[in-house]
Each structure stands twice: as structure tokens, then as C-alpha cells.
Amino acid sequence: FVTPSDPQKTFVWCILLLNFSSFLIIAASYMVIFSVSKQSTAKLGARFQKRHKDTQRKITAIILSDCICWMPFILVCMLHSMEVFDASEWYSMFSVVILPLNSTINPFLSVS
């Protein structure tokens, strides 16, 4: 574990805050896209309702996949930093499997 007086602990928390903030900004941006899409669809009429539902489904899937992949990582890092448990062996799984999986899935979710 990193000791409480170690400057690495501050660095870790800054990175965790940056990751969490980035997730919130991305989620908020997608919600703005959803809102603008909904308003545009309302102005254009029922003809574009299916297109809006497709956009809504894509946005929901992207936000959900980001949340499923990033929130456990952030939570595990926080618990490790607070010395609740030693998560050293988990980092390789996150960095080799889960986070790249999220990066691989997102383009398919955007296009589908």
C-alpha cells in the first residue's frame, strides 16, 4: 500500500477524480445530444420517431458500457487507496481486459 504521507496518494486521487469527472462529462454530453435530438424530432414530426429511438438506444448503450467498465475500476482504485483491500492483482485485469474492451465496444455501439 501507499502510505498516507506518500505524495503518490495525492496523485492517485487526482487521477481518480479526473477519470470520474471525464465519465460525468461524457455522460452529460451524450445527454445533451439526446435532448437536442428529442427536440429536433418533435419539430420534424412522427416521421423521425424511429430515428430518435435508435439514437436514444445508442446513447443509452454507450453510457451504460462506459459505466459498467469504468465505475468498477474507479471503485477498486479508491478502495485500494483507502487501504480497504489490496487490489494490486486486479489492475492487470482492468488494464488488459476491461478498459480495452470498453474502447473496442463503443464504436460498434455507435454504428449499430
C-alpha atoms as a PDB file:
ATOM      1  CA  PHE A   1       0.000   0.000   0.000  1.00  0.00           C
ATOM      2  CA  VAL A   2       0.941   3.602  -0.429  1.00  0.00           C
ATOM      3  CA  THR A   3       1.471   5.303   2.922  1.00  0.00           C
ATOM      4  CA  PRO A   4      -0.800   8.232   3.849  1.00  0.00           C
ATOM      5  CA  SER A   5       2.106  10.701   3.728  1.00  0.00           C
ATOM      6  CA  ASP A   6       3.306   9.471   0.320  1.00  0.00           C
ATOM      7  CA  PRO A   7       2.793  12.059  -2.475  1.00  0.00           C
ATOM      8  CA  GLN A   8       1.704   9.202  -4.754  1.00  0.00           C
ATOM      9  CA  LYS A   9      -1.548   9.020  -2.803  1.00  0.00           C
ATOM     10  CA  THR A  10      -2.421  12.571  -3.844  1.00  0.00           C
ATOM     11  CA  PHE A  11      -1.525  11.745  -7.434  1.00  0.00           C
ATOM     12  CA  VAL A  12      -3.736   8.635  -7.370  1.00  0.00           C
ATOM     13  CA  TRP A  13      -6.702  10.610  -6.064  1.00  0.00           C
ATOM     14  CA  CYS A  14      -6.165  13.323  -8.695  1.00  0.00           C
ATOM     15  CA  ILE A  15      -6.192  10.695 -11.440  1.00  0.00           C
ATOM     16  CA  LEU A  16      -9.300   9.042  -9.975  1.00  0.00           C
ATOM     17  CA  LEU A  17     -11.036  12.410  -9.812  1.00  0.00           C
ATOM     18  CA  LEU A  18     -10.004  13.112 -13.393  1.00  0.00           C
ATOM     19  CA  ASN A  19     -11.363   9.723 -14.553  1.00  0.00           C
ATOM     20  CA  PHE A  20     -14.642  10.184 -12.713  1.00  0.00           C
ATOM     21  CA  SER A  21     -15.002  13.769 -13.966  1.00  0.00           C
ATOM     22  CA  SER A  22     -14.309  12.634 -17.523  1.00  0.00           C
ATOM     23  CA  PHE A  23     -17.002   9.979 -17.224  1.00  0.00           C
ATOM     24  CA  LEU A  24     -19.501  12.565 -15.951  1.00  0.00           C
ATOM     25  CA  ILE A  25     -18.639  14.994 -18.766  1.00  0.00           C
ATOM     26  CA  ILE A  26     -19.027  12.264 -21.397  1.00  0.00           C
ATOM     27  CA  ALA A  27     -22.350  11.141 -19.912  1.00  0.00           C
ATOM     28  CA  ALA A  28     -23.591  14.746 -19.734  1.00  0.00           C
ATOM     29  CA  SER A  29     -22.526  15.365 -23.337  1.00  0.00           C
ATOM     30  CA  TYR A  30     -24.472  12.334 -24.524  1.00  0.00           C
ATOM     31  CA  MET A  31     -27.494  13.527 -22.561  1.00  0.00           C
ATOM     32  CA  VAL A  32     -27.263  16.903 -24.336  1.00  0.00           C
ATOM     33  CA  ILE A  33     -27.130  15.083 -27.681  1.00  0.00           C
ATOM     34  CA  PHE A  34     -30.182  13.084 -26.626  1.00  0.00           C
ATOM     35  CA  SER A  35     -32.072  16.220 -25.587  1.00  0.00           C
ATOM     36  CA  VAL A  36     -31.255  18.118 -28.781  1.00  0.00           C
ATOM     37  CA  SER A  37     -32.216  15.069 -30.828  1.00  0.00           C
ATOM     38  CA  LYS A  38     -35.527  14.811 -28.998  1.00  0.00           C
ATOM     39  CA  GLN A  39     -36.317  18.492 -29.588  1.00  0.00           C
ATOM     40  CA  SER A  40     -35.417  18.240 -33.259  1.00  0.00           C
ATOM     41  CA  THR A  41     -37.565  15.136 -33.648  1.00  0.00           C
ATOM     42  CA  ALA A  42     -40.527  16.879 -32.016  1.00  0.00           C
ATOM     43  CA  LYS A  43     -40.253  19.710 -34.539  1.00  0.00           C
ATOM     44  CA  LEU A  44     -39.984  17.346 -37.502  1.00  0.00           C
ATOM     45  CA  GLY A  45     -42.918  15.132 -36.551  1.00  0.00           C
ATOM     46  CA  ALA A  46     -43.718  11.462 -36.229  1.00  0.00           C
ATOM     47  CA  ARG A  47     -41.785  10.528 -39.346  1.00  0.00           C
ATOM     48  CA  PHE A  48     -38.488  10.768 -37.456  1.00  0.00           C
ATOM     49  CA  GLN A  49     -39.600   8.995 -34.263  1.00  0.00           C
ATOM     50  CA  LYS A  50     -37.845   5.719 -35.180  1.00  0.00           C
ATOM     51  CA  ARG A  51     -34.610   7.569 -35.844  1.00  0.00           C
ATOM     52  CA  HIS A  52     -34.856   9.251 -32.448  1.00  0.00           C
ATOM     53  CA  LYS A  53     -35.500   5.918 -30.707  1.00  0.00           C
ATOM     54  CA  ASP A  54     -32.419   4.462 -32.442  1.00  0.00           C
ATOM     55  CA  THR A  55     -30.344   7.430 -31.268  1.00  0.00           C
ATOM     56  CA  GLN A  56     -31.719   7.060 -27.746  1.00  0.00           C
ATOM     57  CA  ARG A  57     -30.844   3.348 -27.717  1.00  0.00           C
ATOM     58  CA  LYS A  58     -27.285   4.041 -28.901  1.00  0.00           C
ATOM     59  CA  ILE A  59     -26.719   6.774 -26.334  1.00  0.00           C
ATOM     60  CA  THR A  60     -28.044   4.587 -23.532  1.00  0.00           C
ATOM     61  CA  ALA A  61     -25.850   1.659 -24.602  1.00  0.00           C
ATOM     62  CA  ILE A  62     -22.712   3.838 -24.791  1.00  0.00           C
ATOM     63  CA  ILE A  63     -23.278   5.417 -21.370  1.00  0.00           C
ATOM     64  CA  LEU A  64     -24.093   2.027 -19.851  1.00  0.00           C
ATOM     65  CA  SER A  65     -20.996   0.346 -21.312  1.00  0.00           C
ATOM     66  CA  ASP A  66     -18.806   3.207 -20.077  1.00  0.00           C
ATOM     67  CA  CYS A  67     -20.339   2.948 -16.621  1.00  0.00           C
ATOM     68  CA  ILE A  68     -20.003  -0.853 -16.465  1.00  0.00           C
ATOM     69  CA  CYS A  69     -16.332  -0.680 -17.459  1.00  0.00           C
ATOM     70  CA  TRP A  70     -15.106   2.436 -15.651  1.00  0.00           C
ATOM     71  CA  MET A  71     -17.032   2.545 -12.372  1.00  0.00           C
ATOM     72  CA  PRO A  72     -15.669  -0.775 -11.019  1.00  0.00           C
ATOM     73  CA  PHE A  73     -12.140   0.363 -11.894  1.00  0.00           C
ATOM     74  CA  ILE A  74     -12.589   3.687 -10.130  1.00  0.00           C
ATOM     75  CA  LEU A  75     -14.198   1.999  -7.116  1.00  0.00           C
ATOM     76  CA  VAL A  76     -11.434  -0.629  -6.834  1.00  0.00           C
ATOM     77  CA  CYS A  77      -8.758   2.075  -7.074  1.00  0.00           C
ATOM     78  CA  MET A  78     -10.471   4.141  -4.395  1.00  0.00           C
ATOM     79  CA  LEU A  79     -10.792   1.170  -2.047  1.00  0.00           C
ATOM     80  CA  HIS A  80      -7.161   0.254  -2.661  1.00  0.00           C
ATOM     81  CA  SER A  81      -6.045   3.810  -1.977  1.00  0.00           C
ATOM     82  CA  MET A  82      -8.087   3.886   1.248  1.00  0.00           C
ATOM     83  CA  GLU A  83      -6.359   0.623   2.221  1.00  0.00           C
ATOM     84  CA  VAL A  84      -9.626  -1.314   2.420  1.00  0.00           C
ATOM     85  CA  PHE A  85      -8.051  -4.160   0.437  1.00  0.00           C
ATOM     86  CA  ASP A  86      -5.036  -4.837  -1.733  1.00  0.00           C
ATOM     87  CA  ALA A  87      -6.188  -4.585  -5.357  1.00  0.00           C
ATOM     88  CA  SER A  88      -2.745  -4.890  -6.946  1.00  0.00           C
ATOM     89  CA  GLU A  89      -3.646  -8.102  -8.740  1.00  0.00           C
ATOM     90  CA  TRP A  90      -6.820  -6.530 -10.167  1.00  0.00           C
ATOM     91  CA  TYR A  91      -5.000  -3.789 -12.072  1.00  0.00           C
ATOM     92  CA  SER A  92      -3.742  -6.113 -14.791  1.00  0.00           C
ATOM     93  CA  MET A  93      -7.268  -7.431 -15.416  1.00  0.00           C
ATOM     94  CA  PHE A  94      -8.621  -3.903 -15.734  1.00  0.00           C
ATOM     95  CA  SER A  95      -5.807  -2.622 -17.925  1.00  0.00           C
ATOM     96  CA  VAL A  96      -5.580  -5.677 -20.199  1.00  0.00           C
ATOM     97  CA  VAL A  97      -9.207  -6.802 -20.413  1.00  0.00           C
ATOM     98  CA  ILE A  98     -11.934  -4.469 -19.186  1.00  0.00           C
ATOM     99  CA  LEU A  99     -10.838  -0.974 -20.260  1.00  0.00           C
ATOM    100  CA  PRO A 100      -9.696  -2.036 -23.767  1.00  0.00           C
ATOM    101  CA  LEU A 101     -12.975  -3.962 -24.091  1.00  0.00           C
ATOM    102  CA  ASN A 102     -14.855  -0.724 -23.499  1.00  0.00           C
ATOM    103  CA  SER A 103     -12.800   1.029 -26.168  1.00  0.00           C
ATOM    104  CA  THR A 104     -13.491  -1.829 -28.566  1.00  0.00           C
ATOM    105  CA  ILE A 105     -17.237  -1.962 -27.900  1.00  0.00           C
ATOM    106  CA  ASN A 106     -18.022   1.762 -28.184  1.00  0.00           C
ATOM    107  CA  PRO A 107     -17.504   2.108 -31.976  1.00  0.00           C
ATOM    108  CA  PHE A 108     -19.828  -0.837 -32.575  1.00  0.00           C
ATOM    109  CA  LEU A 109     -22.442   0.687 -30.298  1.00  0.00           C
ATOM    110  CA  SER A 110     -22.206   3.982 -32.180  1.00  0.00           C
ATOM    111  CA  VAL A 111     -22.676   2.381 -35.594  1.00  0.00           C
ATOM    112  CA  SER A 112     -25.235  -0.311 -34.784  1.00  0.00           C
END
